[in-house]
Every structure is written in structure tokens, then in C-alpha cells.
Amino acid sequence: MIKRKLIAILLLINFAANAQDLNKQDVKNEVMRILDSINKAKLPDTKSGVSGEEHWYDKISLRGYAQIRYNGLFSTNDKVSCEQCDKSWGTTSTEPDAKSNNGLFIRRARLVFSGQVHPNVFFYFQPDFASSPSTGIQNFVQIRDLYFDLSFDKKKEYRVRVGQSKIPYGFENMQSSSQRLALDRNDAMNSAILNERDLGLFFYWAPAEIRERFAMLVKDGFKGAGDFGVFAFGVYNGQIANKLDGNRDINVVARVTYPFVIGSQIIEPGIQAYTGKWAFTGEISPGVKVNDPQYVKDQRVGATFVLYPRPFGIQTEYNIGTGPRYNTVTNTVDETDLNGGYVIFNYKLDIKKQHIYPFAKFQYYDGGKKYEKDARSYVVRDYEIGIEWQPFKAFEFTAEYVIADRTFEDSVLPINRQQGNLLRLQAQFNF
């Protein structure tokens, strides 16, 4: 490059010395011609137009979304709340006249960096800038996903995923929050894994044709769950994401699902299960007894059925299992049976480039939540009626009316059944 610059300077000096009779415009034109020829010689034709060598960072894309909510409209009981769902909904205060501070709330603010950095290595990194720790201070940055997919064939049908990612258990758990119709995931399936993620090693297999179908169900607005393989098998810590393992017991998970095309419809049945031992690491209150807090049985099996909205859709899941649960009579945490599920009816209405999705949901859960205070005991019966409007890809608006009947009990609130209704609103921005 230095040699070329020296040659250009010498040419310009020679040209200037022998072109006194030329006007200034001619000199300028000749200088631009020489510089242009040097640039063409220096920059060969490439996809990027920068250099002949492709770099790994040229293949990384950036996208994201943000959700802003308001949960304070027409609330009939501020003591109805859901800690796993949305910390701006209701209050868990023990005061008899406690009111919720339902203001505007940033539920999610996420960026996704991803790319095929090597023919056999895919990279995915998703931080969330709206995490909410128990201190009540909002909008902390926290890693949601950080993983690498290592493939073994050209079609990438066989993959091993290493890192922090979603655990392949349940359709709605796999479904991105940017795609889901209901504002929150159901209690029954989501109580298996807080934030749906953990650190582990997973094997995924799906034929190339089915991988394309998984992608289409998301891209074309059918509310798909994404590509987590037709078959999945893996091991993970079993202690939720962003937290050190509490014991040396590795959880094992497996899932099988397949999207069948039947005429103009697509259905996807699935089955999944996991087994492991849960370790309490600070969730138990003083005076509450646990037989073996480092090794509590944690096992579930669940079934899924999805009829994608073309235009009418159904999504339903149910699971049963064994896990820790607070006992209000003995003030202990016991290994007990659990069960629960949900059903969503929805419709996809396309008006030119706009999409409208009316939906109705019912959910039921009878069991504990191991990651909450004292493995809090729950009985949930909720009805939700809502509509999602997408006038264009960069913006979505959801309104959801909730009729809630929630019993959630621990050592501080041993008798606590709350019933109430409210209207919830969310604006989502995609970029």
C-alpha cells in the first residue's frame, strides 16, 4: 500500500511539472482518475466490498425487541399476583390494605447477536437489559442465552448445543416471548424451569426440510416455537440460569416433537420429560424444615398438541410429576405430586399487511414452585381473553383481560387465596 501511495505521489508531481498549460479542472480530473485506479487495484470484488477475506465478525447479525407494560387498569384485587410472570402485577405485601404499584413497566429489553461464524459453528448471545432482581430495583443487565451449536454435517441436521440456553421442555417454554400471544407463560409448565434456561449440553436432530418448516412457522406469523429439533436430549445443572449448581446431580431431559402437514393445516404433537434433584440455596425461611434440602426429587413428563392458526388454532399442554411443595399444616417442604396445564384458542386474521390475533386461554396448576420462597404452594385457575394487533412488523399491541383465582401459600402467608380481575396492556417494538 505504501509503495502505491509513493507511486501516486511521484506521478502527481511529474504530472504537475509537465502540465503547466492545463487548467485546474483538468488537473483535478487527472488526480481523481489516478486515485480511482489505485483503489480499484487495492480492493478486489467481494461481497462486502472491503477485502478479499471474509471475517467471522462479518457474519454476525443484530436484532432485538422491547416490551412495555401497564397492569393497573380495572384491578379488583391488588393482592392477586404472579411472581414468576410479571413483578409489576399485584403485590405480595402482608399488609391488610396493601396496594400494588402498577405503573409502566419495562418487561423485556433484549438484543440478540447471532451468526454462523464457521460452517460448523453457530453462535447465539442474548442479554436482557430489563431483568428484575428481588431487591425491587429494575432494569439490570443479565445474560439470557449464550451458546454455540456445533454441527456435524453440511445440512446441519445433527447439532450439539453447548452453553446457557432454553431447556427443551414444553412448547410454550420454547416459544419466544416476542411470539407468544398470552402476556405470560402458564404456571404449570413454566414452573419446571425458571426463565426456561440453564447451563447444559444438548443434542438436537431434525431433517433439513423440517428445520425449514420450524423457521416458516415463526417467520410467517403462525406463532411457532422455533427450531429445537424433532428429537432433543441433554443434560444440565438443574439450578436455573445464572446461578451456580447447588449439588453434583445432573438433570436429564428429552423431547420429541414433529410438525405434520395435513391438507392446509399443520399440527404438532410432542412429548417431553426430565428428571433430577433440586438443591435449595436460600429459598427456605428459618423454621421451615426440609428433609434433604440438597437432593429433592424433581421429575416431570408432559404432552403437547398444537394446531397452528391457519386461520383457527389450538395450543394445549399438560404435565404431571413430583417436586418440592410447602405444607401449610406441618410447616415443612415435602416431595409431592403436581399436575397442571393450559389450553389456548386463537385465530389469525390478515388484513392486507396487518395481523390480528384474538385469543382465549385457561390454565390450571396444582403444585409447588421450587425456586420461590419455601417452595411456595400453588393452586391456579385463570381465564384470559385478549387480542394482539400487528399493524406492521416493528410494532405489536396486546390487550388481555384476566379473571384470576390464585392460591399461593408459604410460611409468611399460610392461608392466602386471592381472586380478582384486571386489564393488562403491552406495547412491543421489534427491530
Protein backbone atom coordinates (compact mmCIF):
# COMPACT_ATOMS: atom_id res chain seq x y z
CA MET A 1 0.00 0.00 0.00
CA ILE A 2 2.88 2.40 0.88
CA LYS A 3 4.54 1.69 -2.46
CA ARG A 4 1.34 2.50 -4.30
CA LYS A 5 0.98 5.78 -2.46
CA LEU A 6 4.59 6.75 -3.31
CA ILE A 7 4.00 5.91 -6.96
CA ALA A 8 0.85 8.01 -6.97
CA ILE A 9 2.69 10.98 -5.41
CA LEU A 10 5.53 10.74 -7.97
CA LEU A 11 3.03 10.54 -10.80
CA LEU A 12 1.20 13.58 -9.48
CA ILE A 13 4.47 15.58 -9.12
CA ASN A 14 5.52 14.60 -12.64
CA PHE A 15 2.11 15.44 -13.97
CA ALA A 16 2.11 18.84 -12.25
CA ALA A 17 5.60 19.68 -13.54
CA ASN A 18 4.67 18.93 -17.15
CA ALA A 19 1.17 20.31 -17.23
CA GLN A 20 1.55 24.00 -16.55
CA ASP A 21 -0.54 24.80 -19.59
CA LEU A 22 -3.51 22.74 -18.34
CA ASN A 23 -6.26 24.41 -16.38
CA LYS A 24 -7.07 23.47 -12.76
CA GLN A 25 -10.11 21.35 -13.68
CA ASP A 26 -8.03 19.14 -15.94
CA VAL A 27 -5.51 18.64 -13.13
CA LYS A 28 -8.28 17.73 -10.70
CA ASN A 29 -9.81 15.23 -13.12
CA GLU A 30 -6.46 13.52 -13.72
CA VAL A 31 -5.77 13.28 -9.96
CA MET A 32 -9.18 11.66 -9.36
CA ARG A 33 -8.59 9.19 -12.20
CA ILE A 34 -5.24 8.06 -10.75
CA LEU A 35 -6.63 7.68 -7.21
CA ASP A 36 -9.61 5.75 -8.51
CA SER A 37 -7.37 3.32 -10.39
CA ILE A 38 -5.31 2.76 -7.23
CA ASN A 39 -8.43 1.98 -5.17
CA LYS A 40 -9.66 -0.50 -7.76
CA ALA A 41 -6.33 -2.28 -7.73
CA LYS A 42 -6.36 -2.37 -3.92
CA LEU A 43 -9.97 -3.59 -3.41
CA PRO A 44 -10.88 -6.72 -5.38
CA ASP A 45 -14.54 -7.55 -5.86
CA THR A 46 -16.02 -9.18 -2.72
CA LYS A 47 -19.43 -9.49 -1.14
CA SER A 48 -18.55 -6.87 1.44
CA GLY A 49 -16.59 -4.67 -0.96
CA VAL A 50 -13.92 -4.24 1.74
CA SER A 51 -11.40 -7.01 1.31
CA GLY A 52 -10.96 -10.37 -0.31
CA GLU A 53 -11.06 -12.18 3.05
CA GLU A 54 -14.29 -12.92 4.92
CA HIS A 55 -14.05 -12.50 8.70
CA TRP A 56 -16.16 -14.26 11.36
CA TYR A 57 -17.49 -10.93 12.66
CA ASP A 58 -18.87 -10.10 9.20
CA LYS A 59 -21.37 -12.94 9.69
CA ILE A 60 -22.90 -11.80 13.00
CA SER A 61 -26.35 -10.19 12.84
CA LEU A 62 -28.07 -7.98 15.42
CA ARG A 63 -31.78 -7.81 16.21
CA GLY A 64 -33.94 -7.32 19.28
CA TYR A 65 -37.23 -6.37 20.87
CA ALA A 66 -38.62 -4.46 23.84
CA GLN A 67 -41.89 -4.80 25.77
CA ILE A 68 -43.52 -2.06 27.85
CA ARG A 69 -46.50 -2.98 30.02
CA TYR A 70 -49.19 -1.47 32.17
CA ASN A 71 -51.08 -3.71 34.63
CA GLY A 72 -53.11 -1.14 36.58
CA LEU A 73 -56.42 -0.92 34.71
CA PHE A 74 -59.70 -2.04 36.34
CA SER A 75 -57.95 -4.15 39.01
CA THR A 76 -60.45 -5.53 41.53
CA ASN A 77 -57.86 -7.05 43.90
CA ASP A 78 -54.26 -5.84 44.05
CA LYS A 79 -53.24 -8.88 46.09
CA VAL A 80 -53.61 -11.11 43.04
CA SER A 81 -50.05 -11.52 41.79
CA CYS A 82 -47.73 -13.89 39.96
CA GLU A 83 -44.05 -13.68 40.90
CA GLN A 84 -42.87 -15.86 38.02
CA CYS A 85 -44.98 -13.94 35.48
CA ASP A 86 -44.64 -10.20 35.93
CA LYS A 87 -43.32 -8.39 39.02
CA SER A 88 -45.42 -5.30 38.25
CA TRP A 89 -48.65 -7.28 38.60
CA GLY A 90 -50.16 -7.04 42.10
CA THR A 91 -48.36 -7.13 45.43
CA THR A 92 -47.22 -9.85 47.86
CA SER A 93 -47.33 -7.48 50.84
CA THR A 94 -48.85 -8.91 54.02
CA GLU A 95 -50.45 -5.59 54.99
CA PRO A 96 -54.28 -5.84 55.02
CA ASP A 97 -54.78 -2.69 52.91
CA ALA A 98 -51.73 -3.09 50.65
CA LYS A 99 -52.00 -1.69 47.13
CA SER A 100 -49.97 -2.56 44.06
CA ASN A 101 -47.64 -0.01 42.50
CA ASN A 102 -48.85 -0.76 38.98
CA GLY A 103 -47.06 1.79 36.83
CA LEU A 104 -45.49 1.50 33.41
CA PHE A 105 -43.01 -1.36 33.42
CA ILE A 106 -40.27 -2.48 31.03
CA ARG A 107 -40.88 -6.22 30.93
CA ARG A 108 -38.15 -7.11 28.44
CA ALA A 109 -35.41 -5.23 26.56
CA ARG A 110 -33.32 -7.69 24.60
CA LEU A 111 -30.63 -7.70 21.96
CA VAL A 112 -29.72 -10.82 20.01
CA PHE A 113 -26.29 -11.30 18.47
CA SER A 114 -26.10 -14.42 16.31
CA GLY A 115 -24.36 -15.85 13.28
CA GLN A 116 -22.80 -18.82 11.52
CA VAL A 117 -19.21 -17.92 12.44
CA HIS A 118 -17.88 -21.14 10.88
CA PRO A 119 -19.52 -23.68 8.53
CA ASN A 120 -19.94 -25.94 11.57
CA VAL A 121 -20.33 -23.41 14.40
CA PHE A 122 -23.38 -21.22 15.11
CA PHE A 123 -23.18 -18.53 17.80
CA TYR A 124 -26.08 -17.02 19.82
CA PHE A 125 -25.86 -14.37 22.55
CA GLN A 126 -28.92 -12.67 24.12
CA PRO A 127 -28.61 -10.25 27.05
CA ASP A 128 -31.70 -8.79 28.71
CA PHE A 129 -31.49 -5.17 29.88
CA ALA A 130 -34.71 -5.33 31.93
CA SER A 131 -34.01 -8.06 34.48
CA SER A 132 -35.66 -7.55 37.87
CA PRO A 133 -33.90 -8.92 40.96
CA SER A 134 -35.77 -9.35 44.24
CA THR A 135 -34.44 -6.02 45.57
CA GLY A 136 -37.13 -4.17 43.64
CA ILE A 137 -34.60 -2.18 41.60
CA GLN A 138 -35.37 -2.59 37.92
CA ASN A 139 -33.53 -2.92 34.62
CA PHE A 140 -30.39 -4.90 35.43
CA VAL A 141 -28.45 -6.47 32.56
CA GLN A 142 -28.36 -10.26 32.66
CA ILE A 143 -27.39 -12.99 30.22
CA ARG A 144 -30.39 -14.92 28.95
CA ASP A 145 -28.69 -17.05 26.29
CA LEU A 146 -25.06 -17.71 25.44
CA TYR A 147 -24.48 -20.88 23.46
CA PHE A 148 -22.75 -22.45 20.48
CA ASP A 149 -24.22 -25.03 18.10
CA LEU A 150 -21.67 -27.48 16.73
CA SER A 151 -22.97 -29.28 13.61
CA PHE A 152 -21.61 -32.47 12.07
CA ASP A 153 -22.97 -32.39 8.52
CA LYS A 154 -23.49 -29.91 5.68
CA LYS A 155 -27.26 -29.71 6.20
CA LYS A 156 -26.77 -29.11 9.94
CA GLU A 157 -29.33 -31.78 10.80
CA TYR A 158 -27.23 -33.05 13.73
CA ARG A 159 -26.19 -30.45 16.31
CA VAL A 160 -24.73 -30.28 19.78
CA ARG A 161 -25.54 -27.13 21.76
CA VAL A 162 -23.15 -26.04 24.50
CA GLY A 163 -23.84 -23.18 26.89
CA GLN A 164 -26.75 -21.44 28.59
CA SER A 165 -29.95 -21.88 26.62
CA LYS A 166 -33.57 -22.97 26.86
CA ILE A 167 -34.19 -26.44 28.27
CA PRO A 168 -36.22 -28.47 25.72
CA TYR A 169 -39.29 -28.97 27.89
CA GLY A 170 -42.66 -27.71 26.67
CA PHE A 171 -43.83 -25.84 23.57
CA GLU A 172 -44.71 -22.55 25.28
CA ASN A 173 -41.43 -22.63 27.21
CA MET A 174 -39.57 -22.87 23.89
CA GLN A 175 -41.70 -20.19 22.25
CA SER A 176 -40.09 -16.74 22.29
CA SER A 177 -41.82 -14.08 24.37
CA SER A 178 -41.80 -11.95 21.23
CA GLN A 179 -44.01 -14.61 19.54
CA ARG A 180 -46.32 -15.68 22.39
CA LEU A 181 -49.94 -14.46 22.38
CA ALA A 182 -50.64 -14.52 26.13
CA LEU A 183 -48.57 -11.99 28.07
CA ASP A 184 -47.13 -14.64 30.40
CA ARG A 185 -46.34 -18.33 30.19
CA ASN A 186 -48.57 -20.78 32.01
CA ASP A 187 -47.74 -21.71 35.62
CA ALA A 188 -47.97 -25.48 35.10
CA MET A 189 -45.21 -25.96 32.51
CA ASN A 190 -43.13 -22.88 33.30
CA SER A 191 -42.78 -23.81 36.98
CA ALA A 192 -40.48 -26.61 35.80
CA ILE A 193 -37.63 -24.24 34.86
CA LEU A 194 -37.49 -20.59 35.91
CA ASN A 195 -36.83 -18.37 32.87
CA GLU A 196 -36.81 -21.61 30.83
CA ARG A 197 -32.98 -21.70 30.80
CA ASP A 198 -29.98 -23.38 32.37
CA LEU A 199 -26.38 -24.26 31.59
CA GLY A 200 -26.01 -27.57 29.81
CA LEU A 201 -25.12 -29.76 26.85
CA PHE A 202 -27.85 -30.76 24.37
CA PHE A 203 -28.11 -32.87 21.23
CA TYR A 204 -30.66 -31.81 18.58
CA TRP A 205 -31.71 -33.62 15.41
CA ALA A 206 -34.16 -32.57 12.70
CA PRO A 207 -34.24 -33.15 8.91
CA ALA A 208 -33.38 -30.06 6.85
CA GLU A 209 -36.94 -29.91 5.49
CA ILE A 210 -38.42 -29.85 8.99
CA ARG A 211 -35.92 -27.22 10.15
CA GLU A 212 -37.20 -25.02 7.32
CA ARG A 213 -40.77 -25.71 8.45
CA PHE A 214 -39.94 -24.71 12.04
CA ALA A 215 -38.48 -21.43 10.69
CA MET A 216 -41.51 -20.77 8.48
CA LEU A 217 -43.94 -21.19 11.38
CA VAL A 218 -42.19 -18.32 13.15
CA LYS A 219 -41.41 -16.09 10.15
CA ASP A 220 -44.90 -16.25 8.64
CA GLY A 221 -46.72 -15.34 11.85
CA PHE A 222 -48.07 -18.75 12.93
CA LYS A 223 -46.64 -18.39 16.46
CA GLY A 224 -44.15 -21.24 16.22
CA ALA A 225 -41.75 -22.23 18.97
CA GLY A 226 -38.61 -22.19 16.83
CA ASP A 227 -36.16 -24.93 15.96
CA PHE A 228 -35.36 -27.12 18.96
CA GLY A 229 -35.15 -30.26 16.88
CA VAL A 230 -37.52 -33.12 16.21
CA PHE A 231 -35.55 -35.03 18.82
CA ALA A 232 -33.71 -33.44 21.74
CA PHE A 233 -31.68 -34.98 24.52
CA GLY A 234 -29.46 -33.25 27.04
CA VAL A 235 -28.02 -32.75 30.49
CA TYR A 236 -27.99 -29.53 32.54
CA ASN A 237 -27.22 -28.24 36.03
CA GLY A 238 -30.83 -28.15 37.21
CA GLN A 239 -30.30 -24.96 39.22
CA ILE A 240 -31.78 -22.33 36.80
CA ALA A 241 -29.82 -19.87 34.68
CA ASN A 242 -27.14 -17.51 36.01
CA LYS A 243 -26.77 -19.49 39.21
CA LEU A 244 -24.11 -21.92 40.44
CA ASP A 245 -25.10 -25.56 40.70
CA GLY A 246 -26.26 -26.46 44.21
CA ASN A 247 -25.30 -30.13 44.06
CA ARG A 248 -23.46 -32.56 41.80
CA ASP A 249 -26.61 -34.12 40.44
CA ILE A 250 -27.07 -33.52 36.70
CA ASN A 251 -30.61 -33.23 35.33
CA VAL A 252 -31.51 -35.20 32.20
CA VAL A 253 -34.13 -34.05 29.65
CA ALA A 254 -35.57 -35.47 26.43
CA ARG A 255 -38.18 -34.21 23.95
CA VAL A 256 -39.79 -35.46 20.73
CA THR A 257 -41.99 -33.25 18.53
CA TYR A 258 -42.98 -33.18 14.84
CA PRO A 259 -44.94 -30.63 12.72
CA PHE A 260 -47.19 -32.65 10.37
CA VAL A 261 -48.77 -31.09 7.27
CA ILE A 262 -52.35 -32.32 6.83
CA GLY A 263 -54.01 -30.64 3.88
CA SER A 264 -53.90 -26.90 4.55
CA GLN A 265 -53.31 -27.43 8.27
CA ILE A 266 -50.18 -28.06 10.33
CA ILE A 267 -50.36 -29.91 13.63
CA GLU A 268 -47.51 -30.54 16.06
CA PRO A 269 -47.84 -33.18 18.80
CA GLY A 270 -44.99 -33.62 21.25
CA ILE A 271 -43.87 -35.30 24.44
CA GLN A 272 -41.12 -34.35 26.89
CA ALA A 273 -39.71 -35.38 30.27
CA TYR A 274 -36.90 -34.57 32.68
CA THR A 275 -35.51 -35.95 35.92
CA GLY A 276 -33.09 -34.66 38.53
CA LYS A 277 -32.54 -33.41 42.07
CA TRP A 278 -33.28 -29.84 43.17
CA ALA A 279 -30.98 -28.08 45.66
CA PHE A 280 -32.32 -25.26 47.83
CA THR A 281 -29.79 -22.42 48.14
CA GLY A 282 -31.55 -19.77 50.22
CA GLU A 283 -35.23 -20.09 49.35
CA ILE A 284 -36.20 -21.71 52.70
CA SER A 285 -37.29 -19.48 55.60
CA PRO A 286 -36.00 -20.02 59.16
CA GLY A 287 -38.07 -22.65 60.95
CA VAL A 288 -39.25 -24.39 57.77
CA LYS A 289 -37.97 -27.97 57.64
CA VAL A 290 -36.77 -29.87 54.55
CA ASN A 291 -35.74 -33.49 54.79
CA ASP A 292 -32.74 -33.27 52.42
CA PRO A 293 -32.50 -29.73 51.01
CA GLN A 294 -29.67 -30.54 48.60
CA TYR A 295 -31.36 -33.51 46.91
CA VAL A 296 -35.11 -33.03 46.48
CA LYS A 297 -36.75 -35.15 43.78
CA ASP A 298 -37.68 -33.10 40.70
CA GLN A 299 -39.30 -35.09 37.87
CA ARG A 300 -41.91 -34.33 35.21
CA VAL A 301 -43.42 -35.63 31.99
CA GLY A 302 -45.61 -33.53 29.69
CA ALA A 303 -47.60 -33.76 26.47
CA THR A 304 -48.18 -31.09 23.81
CA PHE A 305 -50.63 -30.59 20.95
CA VAL A 306 -50.60 -27.58 18.62
CA LEU A 307 -52.91 -26.81 15.70
CA TYR A 308 -51.32 -23.79 14.06
CA PRO A 309 -53.68 -20.87 13.27
CA ARG A 310 -54.46 -21.35 9.57
CA PRO A 311 -56.65 -19.46 10.41
CA PHE A 312 -58.06 -21.19 13.57
CA GLY A 313 -55.57 -22.54 16.09
CA ILE A 314 -55.37 -24.57 19.31
CA GLN A 315 -52.39 -24.85 21.65
CA THR A 316 -52.54 -27.09 24.72
CA GLU A 317 -50.12 -28.78 27.11
CA TYR A 318 -50.36 -30.79 30.31
CA ASN A 319 -47.75 -32.20 32.67
CA ILE A 320 -47.55 -34.33 35.80
CA GLY A 321 -44.66 -35.04 38.13
CA THR A 322 -43.11 -34.85 41.57
CA GLY A 323 -41.42 -31.87 43.19
CA PRO A 324 -40.99 -29.84 46.38
CA ARG A 325 -44.01 -28.02 47.84
CA TYR A 326 -44.69 -26.10 51.04
CA ASN A 327 -47.00 -27.86 53.50
CA THR A 328 -49.09 -25.30 55.42
CA VAL A 329 -50.10 -27.84 58.10
CA THR A 330 -46.64 -29.10 59.11
CA ASN A 331 -44.56 -26.03 58.12
CA THR A 332 -42.33 -28.29 56.03
CA VAL A 333 -41.35 -28.65 52.38
CA ASP A 334 -42.35 -32.09 51.12
CA GLU A 335 -41.91 -34.07 47.91
CA THR A 336 -45.46 -34.16 46.47
CA ASP A 337 -47.26 -34.86 43.24
CA LEU A 338 -48.04 -31.97 40.91
CA ASN A 339 -50.16 -31.54 37.79
CA GLY A 340 -51.49 -28.86 35.52
CA GLY A 341 -51.75 -27.44 32.03
CA TYR A 342 -53.44 -24.91 29.77
CA VAL A 343 -55.33 -24.50 26.52
CA ILE A 344 -55.32 -21.53 24.12
CA PHE A 345 -57.83 -20.97 21.31
CA ASN A 346 -56.74 -18.39 18.75
CA TYR A 347 -57.50 -17.03 15.29
CA LYS A 348 -55.21 -15.39 12.71
CA LEU A 349 -56.89 -12.60 10.76
CA ASP A 350 -54.88 -10.96 7.95
CA ILE A 351 -55.95 -7.54 6.68
CA LYS A 352 -53.52 -6.57 3.94
CA LYS A 353 -50.18 -6.48 5.80
CA GLN A 354 -51.76 -6.28 9.25
CA HIS A 355 -52.23 -9.31 11.52
CA ILE A 356 -54.86 -9.59 14.25
CA TYR A 357 -54.96 -12.49 16.73
CA PRO A 358 -57.94 -12.80 19.10
CA PHE A 359 -57.32 -15.48 21.73
CA ALA A 360 -58.71 -17.09 24.87
CA LYS A 361 -56.76 -19.09 27.46
CA PHE A 362 -57.50 -21.22 30.50
CA GLN A 363 -54.79 -22.54 32.80
CA TYR A 364 -54.72 -24.79 35.86
CA TYR A 365 -51.89 -25.78 38.20
CA ASP A 366 -51.77 -27.67 41.49
CA GLY A 367 -48.22 -27.95 42.83
CA GLY A 368 -45.20 -26.12 44.20
CA LYS A 369 -42.66 -23.69 42.74
CA LYS A 370 -39.24 -24.80 43.91
CA TYR A 371 -37.44 -21.53 43.10
CA GLU A 372 -39.84 -19.33 45.13
CA LYS A 373 -39.95 -18.73 48.89
CA ASP A 374 -40.38 -22.03 50.80
CA ALA A 375 -41.21 -23.83 47.50
CA ARG A 376 -44.45 -21.85 47.59
CA SER A 377 -47.64 -23.94 47.24
CA TYR A 378 -49.99 -23.04 44.35
CA VAL A 379 -53.47 -23.78 43.11
CA VAL A 380 -54.18 -21.69 40.00
CA ARG A 381 -57.33 -21.32 37.90
CA ASP A 382 -57.03 -18.40 35.48
CA TYR A 383 -59.05 -17.31 32.45
CA GLU A 384 -57.61 -14.85 29.93
CA ILE A 385 -59.25 -13.16 26.94
CA GLY A 386 -57.18 -10.97 24.68
CA ILE A 387 -56.23 -9.66 21.28
CA GLU A 388 -52.90 -8.95 19.61
CA TRP A 389 -52.65 -6.39 16.79
CA GLN A 390 -49.65 -6.13 14.45
CA PRO A 391 -50.10 -3.16 12.11
CA PHE A 392 -46.53 -3.70 10.86
CA LYS A 393 -43.56 -5.90 11.76
CA ALA A 394 -41.86 -3.35 14.01
CA PHE A 395 -44.82 -2.89 16.38
CA GLU A 396 -47.35 -5.08 18.22
CA PHE A 397 -50.03 -4.17 20.75
CA THR A 398 -51.71 -6.65 23.11
CA ALA A 399 -54.68 -6.16 25.43
CA GLU A 400 -55.56 -9.00 27.82
CA TYR A 401 -58.32 -9.26 30.42
CA VAL A 402 -57.54 -11.69 33.25
CA ILE A 403 -60.01 -13.42 35.56
CA ALA A 404 -57.74 -14.89 38.24
CA ASP A 405 -58.22 -17.35 41.09
CA ARG A 406 -54.82 -17.97 42.66
CA THR A 407 -53.89 -19.65 45.95
CA PHE A 408 -50.21 -19.19 46.81
CA GLU A 409 -49.02 -20.03 50.31
CA ASP A 410 -45.73 -20.04 52.21
CA SER A 411 -44.59 -19.64 55.83
CA VAL A 412 -45.41 -15.92 55.82
CA LEU A 413 -48.78 -16.30 54.09
CA PRO A 414 -50.01 -19.79 55.10
CA ILE A 415 -53.62 -19.01 54.18
CA ASN A 416 -53.76 -16.97 51.01
CA ARG A 417 -56.36 -17.40 48.27
CA GLN A 418 -56.78 -14.32 46.06
CA GLN A 419 -59.39 -13.72 43.37
CA GLY A 420 -59.65 -10.73 41.09
CA ASN A 421 -59.77 -9.30 37.58
CA LEU A 422 -57.70 -6.73 35.68
CA LEU A 423 -56.89 -5.46 32.20
CA ARG A 424 -53.26 -5.72 31.09
CA LEU A 425 -51.70 -3.83 28.18
CA GLN A 426 -48.42 -4.30 26.32
CA ALA A 427 -46.62 -2.48 23.51
CA GLN A 428 -43.87 -4.45 21.79
CA PHE A 429 -41.25 -2.99 19.46
CA ASN A 430 -39.24 -5.24 17.14
CA PHE A 431 -36.02 -4.15 15.45
